[in-house]
Amino acid sequence: MDITTLRSVATVACLVLFLAIVAWAYARRNKSRFDEAAHLPFEQD
């Protein structure tokens, strides 16, 4: 395995990880939790 193959594998792995994070962030089941977290700075104690 040469360095070019290793770089290609690392690039593909990072792309897959990025797509997984994007899919998690836009999942409908997380919407309510993210909306709640977005309003936290505006709440009064």
N, C-alpha and C. Protein backbone atom coordinates (compact mmCIF):
# COMPACT_ATOMS: atom_id res chain seq x y z
N MET A 1 0.85 -1.17 0.00
CA MET A 1 0.00 0.00 0.00
C MET A 1 0.90 1.24 0.00
N ASP A 2 0.76 2.04 -1.03
CA ASP A 2 1.57 3.24 -1.11
C ASP A 2 0.81 4.45 -0.54
N ILE A 3 1.47 5.59 -0.50
CA ILE A 3 0.90 6.77 0.13
C ILE A 3 -0.34 7.28 -0.62
N THR A 4 -0.37 7.12 -1.93
CA THR A 4 -1.51 7.58 -2.70
C THR A 4 -2.77 6.81 -2.35
N THR A 5 -2.65 5.52 -2.17
CA THR A 5 -3.78 4.69 -1.79
C THR A 5 -4.25 5.07 -0.38
N LEU A 6 -3.31 5.29 0.51
CA LEU A 6 -3.65 5.68 1.87
C LEU A 6 -4.38 7.03 1.89
N ARG A 7 -3.92 7.97 1.10
CA ARG A 7 -4.59 9.27 1.01
C ARG A 7 -5.99 9.13 0.43
N SER A 8 -6.16 8.29 -0.55
CA SER A 8 -7.48 8.07 -1.16
C SER A 8 -8.44 7.46 -0.15
N VAL A 9 -7.99 6.50 0.61
CA VAL A 9 -8.82 5.87 1.63
C VAL A 9 -9.19 6.88 2.70
N ALA A 10 -8.26 7.71 3.11
CA ALA A 10 -8.54 8.72 4.12
C ALA A 10 -9.54 9.75 3.60
N THR A 11 -9.43 10.13 2.34
CA THR A 11 -10.37 11.09 1.75
C THR A 11 -11.78 10.51 1.71
N VAL A 12 -11.91 9.28 1.29
CA VAL A 12 -13.22 8.64 1.22
C VAL A 12 -13.80 8.47 2.63
N ALA A 13 -12.98 8.12 3.59
CA ALA A 13 -13.45 7.96 4.96
C ALA A 13 -13.94 9.29 5.53
N CYS A 14 -13.23 10.37 5.25
CA CYS A 14 -13.66 11.69 5.72
C CYS A 14 -14.95 12.12 5.04
N LEU A 15 -15.11 11.82 3.78
CA LEU A 15 -16.34 12.15 3.06
C LEU A 15 -17.52 11.40 3.66
N VAL A 16 -17.35 10.13 3.93
CA VAL A 16 -18.42 9.32 4.52
C VAL A 16 -18.76 9.86 5.91
N LEU A 17 -17.77 10.21 6.70
CA LEU A 17 -18.01 10.77 8.03
C LEU A 17 -18.75 12.10 7.93
N PHE A 18 -18.36 12.95 7.00
CA PHE A 18 -19.04 14.22 6.80
C PHE A 18 -20.51 14.02 6.42
N LEU A 19 -20.77 13.11 5.50
CA LEU A 19 -22.15 12.85 5.08
C LEU A 19 -22.99 12.26 6.23
N ALA A 20 -22.37 11.45 7.07
CA ALA A 20 -23.08 10.89 8.22
C ALA A 20 -23.44 12.00 9.22
N ILE A 21 -22.53 12.94 9.44
CA ILE A 21 -22.81 14.05 10.35
C ILE A 21 -23.92 14.93 9.80
N VAL A 22 -23.90 15.20 8.51
CA VAL A 22 -24.95 16.01 7.88
C VAL A 22 -26.29 15.31 7.98
N ALA A 23 -26.32 14.01 7.74
CA ALA A 23 -27.57 13.26 7.84
C ALA A 23 -28.10 13.28 9.28
N TRP A 24 -27.22 13.17 10.25
CA TRP A 24 -27.62 13.22 11.66
C TRP A 24 -28.17 14.61 12.01
N ALA A 25 -27.52 15.65 11.52
CA ALA A 25 -27.94 17.01 11.86
C ALA A 25 -29.29 17.35 11.26
N TYR A 26 -29.61 16.82 10.10
CA TYR A 26 -30.87 17.13 9.44
C TYR A 26 -31.96 16.09 9.68
N ALA A 27 -31.72 15.13 10.54
CA ALA A 27 -32.73 14.11 10.84
C ALA A 27 -33.90 14.76 11.57
N ARG A 28 -35.11 14.38 11.21
CA ARG A 28 -36.31 14.98 11.80
C ARG A 28 -36.43 14.68 13.29
N ARG A 29 -35.92 13.56 13.73
CA ARG A 29 -36.06 13.22 15.15
C ARG A 29 -35.22 14.12 16.05
N ASN A 30 -34.22 14.84 15.49
CA ASN A 30 -33.39 15.74 16.28
C ASN A 30 -33.88 17.18 16.24
N LYS A 31 -34.90 17.48 15.44
CA LYS A 31 -35.34 18.85 15.25
C LYS A 31 -35.77 19.52 16.55
N SER A 32 -36.57 18.84 17.34
CA SER A 32 -37.05 19.46 18.58
C SER A 32 -35.90 19.75 19.55
N ARG A 33 -34.95 18.85 19.63
CA ARG A 33 -33.81 19.06 20.52
C ARG A 33 -32.96 20.23 20.05
N PHE A 34 -32.75 20.36 18.74
CA PHE A 34 -31.96 21.46 18.21
C PHE A 34 -32.70 22.79 18.34
N ASP A 35 -34.02 22.77 18.16
CA ASP A 35 -34.80 24.00 18.34
C ASP A 35 -34.73 24.48 19.79
N GLU A 36 -34.82 23.55 20.71
CA GLU A 36 -34.71 23.89 22.13
C GLU A 36 -33.33 24.47 22.45
N ALA A 37 -32.29 23.87 21.92
CA ALA A 37 -30.93 24.36 22.15
C ALA A 37 -30.71 25.74 21.51
N ALA A 38 -31.38 25.99 20.40
CA ALA A 38 -31.22 27.29 19.72
C ALA A 38 -31.84 28.42 20.53
N HIS A 39 -32.85 28.12 21.35
CA HIS A 39 -33.53 29.15 22.13
C HIS A 39 -32.91 29.35 23.52
N LEU A 40 -31.98 28.54 23.91
CA LEU A 40 -31.38 28.64 25.24
C LEU A 40 -30.75 30.01 25.52
N PRO A 41 -30.02 30.62 24.59
CA PRO A 41 -29.40 31.92 24.92
C PRO A 41 -30.42 33.03 25.18
N PHE A 42 -31.65 32.87 24.74
CA PHE A 42 -32.64 33.92 24.88
C PHE A 42 -33.54 33.76 26.11
N GLU A 43 -33.38 32.67 26.83
CA GLU A 43 -34.19 32.45 28.02
C GLU A 43 -33.66 33.26 29.20
N GLN A 44 -34.59 33.75 30.01
CA GLN A 44 -34.24 34.51 31.21
C GLN A 44 -34.19 33.55 32.41
N ASP A 45 -33.29 33.81 33.31
CA ASP A 45 -33.21 32.98 34.51
C ASP A 45 -34.24 33.38 35.52
